[in-house]
Amino acid sequence: MYIKEIQEFQKIRKEARAYFCYLMQRNIPNRLPNIGVDVVYEGLLRIINELPEANVAYILDANGKQISKMITNKNKFKEINIELNQSNRTYFYKAVKEKKCIITDPYPSLVGGEIVISAAYPVFNDRGDLLYVAVIDIPLEKILKFIHKERGDVWFINFNKVIYAIFSAALFAIVVLLFYYGVKMFFTYTISNIDVKKMFESTILITLSLAIFDLVKTIMSEEVVGEKEEHPFAIHKTMIKFLGSIIIALAIEGLMMVFKSAMVAPEKLKYAALLLISVTLLLFALAYYMKNVGKDIK
């Protein structure tokens, strides 16, 4: 369910860290004498008021135990208080180990179970002793929308989707027309009145309609809906199916040219032979492509 969102997050991770860590560093004093928990609390409160997308913020002590109530503008989180030791949580030990502001990978939050990203900021005194770790939880979905909005690329993403949808609709119209004329051509003739040439042409039209339909399906699912297959071979699967359909159509056309030239114009057999040679080369090229794709995946 969250595969697409997690992949998107990896693309904007640097921007997200830069922004949230900037907020932490701007509002929470660090490496100064006599930094009290109330000062850190006030800094987190300012951040929560500035950042309505966040779920909660809270303070952990040097051992990973929560020592503040939940700082939030959302009523459903105000009465929650996690008393357990959080020293084994990624946001705590990573911030302590790296001694700097960090953001985590997406994970199910202890507060409400929602998929969130946590920004954690270790607070030290002037002697370098760890005092607190300030933590903010932001829902994954909200952080994606927020960062895309800040970068100004929401309109571009939507524009791309509209353009891909228009092209997909146009290609699908071609699929319908090719399939319609292919089937119509096939059923024009009865068993007693078979035209082999028309049957070949009908097969080519239906094969091409199938190849283009595969292309439309891939464009719609990946570029418009945004549901990408996770299998490493998926990106090549559509290309192989499309090229395979084209090769089949060309092979049928080549056979049709052979039969027609043999019966009507033998001198044109060389053109049919060239087409069949081209189809053979395409088959070798497709086999080579599939072989190398398999090596890359392994």
Foldseek 3Di string as FASTA:
>chain_A
DCPLLLVLCVVCVVVLQVVVQVLQPVQADALAPPRDPVSSVVSVLVVQVVPVQWAWKFKAFPQQATDDATRHPDPLRRPDHDGDRCCVPCLNVVCVVVVAWDKDRWDQDPGPRATWIKIWGFHAYNVRHTTMIMIITGHSVSSSVVSCVVVVCPVVLVVQLVVLVVVLVVLLVLLVVLLVVLVVLCPPADPVGDDVLSPLSSLLSNLLSVLSVLVSVVSCCCRHVNPADPPLCRVVPSVLSNLVSVLVNLLSVLVSCCVVCVVPNVVCNVVSVVSVVVSVVSVVVSVVVVVVSVVVSD
